Amino acid sequence: MDKVNIAEKFATFDTHWDPKVVGEIDDYEVKLVKLQGDFVWHKHDDEDEMFFVVEGTLEMAFRDGTPSLWGRAR
């Protein structure tokens, strides 16, 4: 398994809402995406998702609440 430098991978693109596959773990793709503004409510019936916030704040609205995730690049 190769190491991935997240900062270097983020520097390779400027687009928003356009996930980039940067690796794989078992049968799962690891994707990076830059977010800006709101995104339409949706779901993935056949996928699990994990969110790791590197910088900024991510708020996700669920039927039972809106948790905030935040991160800061180091």
PDB file of N, CA and C in Angstrom:
ATOM      1  N   MET A   1       0.845  -1.168   0.000  1.00  0.00           N
ATOM      2  CA  MET A   1       0.000   0.000   0.000  1.00  0.00           C
ATOM      3  C   MET A   1       0.897   1.241   0.000  1.00  0.00           C
ATOM      4  N   ASP A   2       0.622   2.170  -0.910  1.00  0.00           N
ATOM      5  CA  ASP A   2       1.391   3.400  -0.999  1.00  0.00           C
ATOM      6  C   ASP A   2       0.805   4.468  -0.098  1.00  0.00           C
ATOM      7  N   LYS A   3       1.693   5.303   0.462  1.00  0.00           N
ATOM      8  CA  LYS A   3       1.238   6.437   1.250  1.00  0.00           C
ATOM      9  C   LYS A   3       0.730   7.522   0.316  1.00  0.00           C
ATOM     10  N   VAL A   4      -0.246   8.303   0.792  1.00  0.00           N
ATOM     11  CA  VAL A   4      -0.792   9.407   0.018  1.00  0.00           C
ATOM     12  C   VAL A   4      -0.630  10.677   0.835  1.00  0.00           C
ATOM     13  N   ASN A   5      -0.025  11.695   0.235  1.00  0.00           N
ATOM     14  CA  ASN A   5       0.101  12.996   0.879  1.00  0.00           C
ATOM     15  C   ASN A   5      -1.144  13.802   0.514  1.00  0.00           C
ATOM     16  N   ILE A   6      -2.028  13.984   1.482  1.00  0.00           N
ATOM     17  CA  ILE A   6      -3.314  14.632   1.220  1.00  0.00           C
ATOM     18  C   ILE A   6      -3.129  16.052   0.702  1.00  0.00           C
ATOM     19  N   ALA A   7      -2.233  16.819   1.296  1.00  0.00           N
ATOM     20  CA  ALA A   7      -2.008  18.206   0.860  1.00  0.00           C
ATOM     21  C   ALA A   7      -1.549  18.256  -0.594  1.00  0.00           C
ATOM     22  N   GLU A   8      -0.656  17.350  -0.968  1.00  0.00           N
ATOM     23  CA  GLU A   8      -0.189  17.312  -2.360  1.00  0.00           C
ATOM     24  C   GLU A   8      -1.323  16.952  -3.318  1.00  0.00           C
ATOM     25  N   LYS A   9      -2.160  15.999  -2.937  1.00  0.00           N
ATOM     26  CA  LYS A   9      -3.280  15.600  -3.797  1.00  0.00           C
ATOM     27  C   LYS A   9      -4.290  16.728  -3.943  1.00  0.00           C
ATOM     28  N   PHE A  10      -4.610  17.430  -2.829  1.00  0.00           N
ATOM     29  CA  PHE A  10      -5.540  18.560  -2.912  1.00  0.00           C
ATOM     30  C   PHE A  10      -4.997  19.652  -3.831  1.00  0.00           C
ATOM     31  N   ALA A  11      -3.686  19.828  -3.872  1.00  0.00           N
ATOM     32  CA  ALA A  11      -3.071  20.878  -4.691  1.00  0.00           C
ATOM     33  C   ALA A  11      -3.172  20.590  -6.188  1.00  0.00           C
ATOM     34  N   THR A  12      -3.557  19.372  -6.564  1.00  0.00           N
ATOM     35  CA  THR A  12      -3.608  19.017  -7.989  1.00  0.00           C
ATOM     36  C   THR A  12      -4.921  19.405  -8.663  1.00  0.00           C
ATOM     37  N   PHE A  13      -5.903  19.900  -7.890  1.00  0.00           N
ATOM     38  CA  PHE A  13      -7.165  20.301  -8.508  1.00  0.00           C
ATOM     39  C   PHE A  13      -7.792  21.479  -7.770  1.00  0.00           C
ATOM     40  N   ASP A  14      -8.596  22.265  -8.500  1.00  0.00           N
ATOM     41  CA  ASP A  14      -9.255  23.443  -7.949  1.00  0.00           C
ATOM     42  C   ASP A  14     -10.780  23.352  -7.995  1.00  0.00           C
ATOM     43  N   THR A  15     -11.310  22.338  -8.643  1.00  0.00           N
ATOM     44  CA  THR A  15     -12.756  22.226  -8.819  1.00  0.00           C
ATOM     45  C   THR A  15     -13.443  21.852  -7.510  1.00  0.00           C
ATOM     46  N   HIS A  16     -14.722  22.248  -7.402  1.00  0.00           N
ATOM     47  CA  HIS A  16     -15.528  21.914  -6.234  1.00  0.00           C
ATOM     48  C   HIS A  16     -16.555  20.857  -6.620  1.00  0.00           C
ATOM     49  N   TRP A  17     -16.929  20.034  -5.651  1.00  0.00           N
ATOM     50  CA  TRP A  17     -17.940  18.996  -5.839  1.00  0.00           C
ATOM     51  C   TRP A  17     -17.551  18.013  -6.946  1.00  0.00           C
ATOM     52  N   ASP A  18     -16.269  17.722  -7.057  1.00  0.00           N
ATOM     53  CA  ASP A  18     -15.747  16.847  -8.111  1.00  0.00           C
ATOM     54  C   ASP A  18     -14.753  15.865  -7.471  1.00  0.00           C
ATOM     55  N   PRO A  19     -15.251  14.790  -6.811  1.00  0.00           N
ATOM     56  CA  PRO A  19     -14.374  13.877  -6.072  1.00  0.00           C
ATOM     57  C   PRO A  19     -13.287  13.248  -6.940  1.00  0.00           C
ATOM     58  N   LYS A  20     -12.106  13.128  -6.346  1.00  0.00           N
ATOM     59  CA  LYS A  20     -10.959  12.502  -7.017  1.00  0.00           C
ATOM     60  C   LYS A  20     -10.547  11.264  -6.228  1.00  0.00           C
ATOM     61  N   VAL A  21     -10.426  10.131  -6.890  1.00  0.00           N
ATOM     62  CA  VAL A  21      -9.963   8.900  -6.247  1.00  0.00           C
ATOM     63  C   VAL A  21      -8.453   9.003  -6.068  1.00  0.00           C
ATOM     64  N   VAL A  22      -7.985   8.849  -4.809  1.00  0.00           N
ATOM     65  CA  VAL A  22      -6.551   8.956  -4.526  1.00  0.00           C
ATOM     66  C   VAL A  22      -5.963   7.662  -3.968  1.00  0.00           C
ATOM     67  N   GLY A  23      -6.812   6.659  -3.747  1.00  0.00           N
ATOM     68  CA  GLY A  23      -6.309   5.394  -3.234  1.00  0.00           C
ATOM     69  C   GLY A  23      -7.436   4.410  -3.000  1.00  0.00           C
ATOM     70  N   GLU A  24      -7.054   3.228  -2.509  1.00  0.00           N
ATOM     71  CA  GLU A  24      -8.021   2.190  -2.176  1.00  0.00           C
ATOM     72  C   GLU A  24      -7.599   1.512  -0.890  1.00  0.00           C
ATOM     73  N   ILE A  25      -8.598   1.150  -0.085  1.00  0.00           N
ATOM     74  CA  ILE A  25      -8.378   0.361   1.121  1.00  0.00           C
ATOM     75  C   ILE A  25      -9.362  -0.798   1.051  1.00  0.00           C
ATOM     76  N   ASP A  26      -8.855  -2.009   1.032  1.00  0.00           N
ATOM     77  CA  ASP A  26      -9.683  -3.196   0.816  1.00  0.00           C
ATOM     78  C   ASP A  26     -10.484  -2.978  -0.465  1.00  0.00           C
ATOM     79  N   ASP A  27     -11.793  -3.010  -0.404  1.00  0.00           N
ATOM     80  CA  ASP A  27     -12.605  -2.807  -1.601  1.00  0.00           C
ATOM     81  C   ASP A  27     -13.210  -1.406  -1.662  1.00  0.00           C
ATOM     82  N   TYR A  28     -12.644  -0.473  -0.898  1.00  0.00           N
ATOM     83  CA  TYR A  28     -13.201   0.875  -0.817  1.00  0.00           C
ATOM     84  C   TYR A  28     -12.287   1.893  -1.485  1.00  0.00           C
ATOM     85  N   GLU A  29     -12.880   2.811  -2.239  1.00  0.00           N
ATOM     86  CA  GLU A  29     -12.129   3.910  -2.826  1.00  0.00           C
ATOM     87  C   GLU A  29     -11.974   5.024  -1.799  1.00  0.00           C
ATOM     88  N   VAL A  30     -10.808   5.638  -1.784  1.00  0.00           N
ATOM     89  CA  VAL A  30     -10.570   6.827  -0.955  1.00  0.00           C
ATOM     90  C   VAL A  30     -10.608   8.016  -1.894  1.00  0.00           C
ATOM     91  N   LYS A  31     -11.527   8.949  -1.617  1.00  0.00           N
ATOM     92  CA  LYS A  31     -11.716  10.103  -2.496  1.00  0.00           C
ATOM     93  C   LYS A  31     -11.485  11.393  -1.721  1.00  0.00           C
ATOM     94  N   LEU A  32     -10.971  12.388  -2.422  1.00  0.00           N
ATOM     95  CA  LEU A  32     -10.852  13.742  -1.886  1.00  0.00           C
ATOM     96  C   LEU A  32     -11.777  14.639  -2.682  1.00  0.00           C
ATOM     97  N   VAL A  33     -12.360  15.626  -2.005  1.00  0.00           N
ATOM     98  CA  VAL A  33     -13.233  16.568  -2.691  1.00  0.00           C
ATOM     99  C   VAL A  33     -13.150  17.909  -1.981  1.00  0.00           C
ATOM    100  N   LYS A  34     -13.204  18.972  -2.762  1.00  0.00           N
ATOM    101  CA  LYS A  34     -13.293  20.325  -2.223  1.00  0.00           C
ATOM    102  C   LYS A  34     -14.757  20.738  -2.278  1.00  0.00           C
ATOM    103  N   LEU A  35     -15.257  21.253  -1.173  1.00  0.00           N
ATOM    104  CA  LEU A  35     -16.659  21.647  -1.084  1.00  0.00           C
ATOM    105  C   LEU A  35     -16.776  23.157  -0.961  1.00  0.00           C
ATOM    106  N   GLN A  36     -17.873  23.678  -1.484  1.00  0.00           N
ATOM    107  CA  GLN A  36     -18.135  25.107  -1.362  1.00  0.00           C
ATOM    108  C   GLN A  36     -19.635  25.326  -1.477  1.00  0.00           C
ATOM    109  N   GLY A  37     -20.231  25.975  -0.482  1.00  0.00           N
ATOM    110  CA  GLY A  37     -21.664  26.238  -0.522  1.00  0.00           C
ATOM    111  C   GLY A  37     -22.480  25.008  -0.194  1.00  0.00           C
ATOM    112  N   ASP A  38     -23.745  25.038  -0.580  1.00  0.00           N
ATOM    113  CA  ASP A  38     -24.680  23.961  -0.280  1.00  0.00           C
ATOM    114  C   ASP A  38     -24.699  22.911  -1.383  1.00  0.00           C
ATOM    115  N   PHE A  39     -25.066  21.704  -0.996  1.00  0.00           N
ATOM    116  CA  PHE A  39     -25.225  20.607  -1.947  1.00  0.00           C
ATOM    117  C   PHE A  39     -26.597  19.996  -1.712  1.00  0.00           C
ATOM    118  N   VAL A  40     -27.218  19.495  -2.727  1.00  0.00           N
ATOM    119  CA  VAL A  40     -28.574  18.978  -2.635  1.00  0.00           C
ATOM    120  C   VAL A  40     -28.618  17.686  -1.808  1.00  0.00           C
ATOM    121  N   TRP A  41     -29.660  17.531  -1.020  1.00  0.00           N
ATOM    122  CA  TRP A  41     -29.869  16.333  -0.205  1.00  0.00           C
ATOM    123  C   TRP A  41     -29.905  15.118  -1.124  1.00  0.00           C
ATOM    124  N   HIS A  42     -29.166  14.079  -0.742  1.00  0.00           N
ATOM    125  CA  HIS A  42     -29.156  12.851  -1.526  1.00  0.00           C
ATOM    126  C   HIS A  42     -28.741  11.696  -0.636  1.00  0.00           C
ATOM    127  N   LYS A  43     -28.815  10.499  -1.183  1.00  0.00           N
ATOM    128  CA  LYS A  43     -28.373   9.331  -0.431  1.00  0.00           C
ATOM    129  C   LYS A  43     -27.780   8.308  -1.391  1.00  0.00           C
ATOM    130  N   HIS A  44     -27.019   7.402  -0.819  1.00  0.00           N
ATOM    131  CA  HIS A  44     -26.405   6.320  -1.577  1.00  0.00           C
ATOM    132  C   HIS A  44     -26.883   5.005  -0.969  1.00  0.00           C
ATOM    133  N   ASP A  45     -27.756   4.309  -1.657  1.00  0.00           N
ATOM    134  CA  ASP A  45     -28.304   3.059  -1.128  1.00  0.00           C
ATOM    135  C   ASP A  45     -27.261   1.950  -1.030  1.00  0.00           C
ATOM    136  N   ASP A  46     -26.284   1.945  -1.918  1.00  0.00           N
ATOM    137  CA  ASP A  46     -25.320   0.839  -1.973  1.00  0.00           C
ATOM    138  C   ASP A  46     -23.910   1.242  -1.575  1.00  0.00           C
ATOM    139  N   GLU A  47     -23.750   2.371  -0.885  1.00  0.00           N
ATOM    140  CA  GLU A  47     -22.421   2.841  -0.506  1.00  0.00           C
ATOM    141  C   GLU A  47     -22.424   3.337   0.931  1.00  0.00           C
ATOM    142  N   ASP A  48     -21.293   3.163   1.588  1.00  0.00           N
ATOM    143  CA  ASP A  48     -21.051   3.795   2.870  1.00  0.00           C
ATOM    144  C   ASP A  48     -20.107   4.952   2.601  1.00  0.00           C
ATOM    145  N   GLU A  49     -20.228   6.024   3.387  1.00  0.00           N
ATOM    146  CA  GLU A  49     -19.329   7.159   3.224  1.00  0.00           C
ATOM    147  C   GLU A  49     -18.726   7.539   4.563  1.00  0.00           C
ATOM    148  N   MET A  50     -17.488   7.975   4.520  1.00  0.00           N
ATOM    149  CA  MET A  50     -16.815   8.501   5.686  1.00  0.00           C
ATOM    150  C   MET A  50     -16.342   9.906   5.325  1.00  0.00           C
ATOM    151  N   PHE A  51     -16.480  10.834   6.237  1.00  0.00           N
ATOM    152  CA  PHE A  51     -16.051  12.201   5.993  1.00  0.00           C
ATOM    153  C   PHE A  51     -14.943  12.555   6.966  1.00  0.00           C
ATOM    154  N   PHE A  52     -13.829  13.038   6.449  1.00  0.00           N
ATOM    155  CA  PHE A  52     -12.684  13.487   7.230  1.00  0.00           C
ATOM    156  C   PHE A  52     -12.431  14.925   6.805  1.00  0.00           C
ATOM    157  N   VAL A  53     -12.740  15.868   7.653  1.00  0.00           N
ATOM    158  CA  VAL A  53     -12.622  17.283   7.309  1.00  0.00           C
ATOM    159  C   VAL A  53     -11.186  17.735   7.584  1.00  0.00           C
ATOM    160  N   VAL A  54     -10.516  18.238   6.545  1.00  0.00           N
ATOM    161  CA  VAL A  54      -9.132  18.679   6.663  1.00  0.00           C
ATOM    162  C   VAL A  54      -9.078  20.144   7.074  1.00  0.00           C
ATOM    163  N   GLU A  55      -9.942  20.959   6.479  1.00  0.00           N
ATOM    164  CA  GLU A  55      -9.943  22.389   6.780  1.00  0.00           C
ATOM    165  C   GLU A  55     -11.357  22.919   6.607  1.00  0.00           C
ATOM    166  N   GLY A  56     -11.793  23.769   7.517  1.00  0.00           N
ATOM    167  CA  GLY A  56     -13.126  24.354   7.417  1.00  0.00           C
ATOM    168  C   GLY A  56     -14.147  23.587   8.234  1.00  0.00           C
ATOM    169  N   THR A  57     -15.416  23.800   7.929  1.00  0.00           N
ATOM    170  CA  THR A  57     -16.519  23.178   8.657  1.00  0.00           C
ATOM    171  C   THR A  57     -17.478  22.525   7.672  1.00  0.00           C
ATOM    172  N   LEU A  58     -17.942  21.344   8.022  1.00  0.00           N
ATOM    173  CA  LEU A  58     -18.930  20.631   7.219  1.00  0.00           C
ATOM    174  C   LEU A  58     -20.147  20.388   8.093  1.00  0.00           C
ATOM    175  N   GLU A  59     -21.302  20.878   7.656  1.00  0.00           N
ATOM    176  CA  GLU A  59     -22.553  20.604   8.343  1.00  0.00           C
ATOM    177  C   GLU A  59     -23.417  19.748   7.430  1.00  0.00           C
ATOM    178  N   MET A  60     -23.871  18.616   7.957  1.00  0.00           N
ATOM    179  CA  MET A  60     -24.715  17.714   7.181  1.00  0.00           C
ATOM    180  C   MET A  60     -26.088  17.650   7.838  1.00  0.00           C
ATOM    181  N   ALA A  61     -27.111  17.960   7.074  1.00  0.00           N
ATOM    182  CA  ALA A  61     -28.472  17.925   7.606  1.00  0.00           C
ATOM    183  C   ALA A  61     -29.049  16.522   7.463  1.00  0.00           C
ATOM    184  N   PHE A  62     -29.435  15.944   8.596  1.00  0.00           N
ATOM    185  CA  PHE A  62     -30.120  14.656   8.635  1.00  0.00           C
ATOM    186  C   PHE A  62     -31.530  14.888   9.147  1.00  0.00           C
ATOM    187  N   ARG A  63     -32.378  13.920   8.975  1.00  0.00           N
ATOM    188  CA  ARG A  63     -33.751  14.064   9.465  1.00  0.00           C
ATOM    189  C   ARG A  63     -33.799  14.307  10.972  1.00  0.00           C
ATOM    190  N   ASP A  64     -32.827  13.757  11.709  1.00  0.00           N
ATOM    191  CA  ASP A  64     -32.852  13.877  13.162  1.00  0.00           C
ATOM    192  C   ASP A  64     -31.825  14.866  13.725  1.00  0.00           C
ATOM    193  N   GLY A  65     -31.229  15.714  12.887  1.00  0.00           N
ATOM    194  CA  GLY A  65     -30.303  16.722  13.396  1.00  0.00           C
ATOM    195  C   GLY A  65     -29.241  17.098  12.388  1.00  0.00           C
ATOM    196  N   THR A  66     -28.431  18.086  12.749  1.00  0.00           N
ATOM    197  CA  THR A  66     -27.381  18.587  11.871  1.00  0.00           C
ATOM    198  C   THR A  66     -26.061  18.678  12.645  1.00  0.00           C
ATOM    199  N   PRO A  67     -25.248  17.633  12.616  1.00  0.00           N
ATOM    200  CA  PRO A  67     -23.952  17.703  13.285  1.00  0.00           C
ATOM    201  C   PRO A  67     -22.958  18.534  12.478  1.00  0.00           C
ATOM    202  N   SER A  68     -22.025  19.153  13.164  1.00  0.00           N
ATOM    203  CA  SER A  68     -20.959  19.909  12.499  1.00  0.00           C
ATOM    204  C   SER A  68     -19.653  19.149  12.637  1.00  0.00           C
ATOM    205  N   LEU A  69     -18.933  19.023  11.546  1.00  0.00           N
ATOM    206  CA  LEU A  69     -17.600  18.441  11.536  1.00  0.00           C
ATOM    207  C   LEU A  69     -16.634  19.542  11.143  1.00  0.00           C
ATOM    208  N   TRP A  70     -15.499  19.618  11.796  1.00  0.00           N
ATOM    209  CA  TRP A  70     -14.565  20.683  11.450  1.00  0.00           C
ATOM    210  C   TRP A  70     -13.145  20.138  11.465  1.00  0.00           C
ATOM    211  N   GLY A  71     -12.305  20.847  10.719  1.00  0.00           N
ATOM    212  CA  GLY A  71     -10.915  20.440  10.650  1.00  0.00           C
ATOM    213  C   GLY A  71     -10.030  21.643  10.406  1.00  0.00           C
ATOM    214  N   ARG A  72      -8.762  21.465  10.625  1.00  0.00           N
ATOM    215  CA  ARG A  72      -7.795  22.522  10.382  1.00  0.00           C
ATOM    216  C   ARG A  72      -6.521  21.882   9.872  1.00  0.00           C
ATOM    217  N   ALA A  73      -6.057  22.325   8.723  1.00  0.00           N
ATOM    218  CA  ALA A  73      -4.829  21.770   8.142  1.00  0.00           C
ATOM    219  C   ALA A  73      -3.652  22.114   9.038  1.00  0.00           C
ATOM    220  N   ARG A  74      -2.699  21.176   9.156  1.00  0.00           N
ATOM    221  CA  ARG A  74      -1.506  21.407   9.986  1.00  0.00           C
ATOM    222  C   ARG A  74      -0.272  21.223   9.166  1.00  0.00           C
TER     223      ARG A  74
END
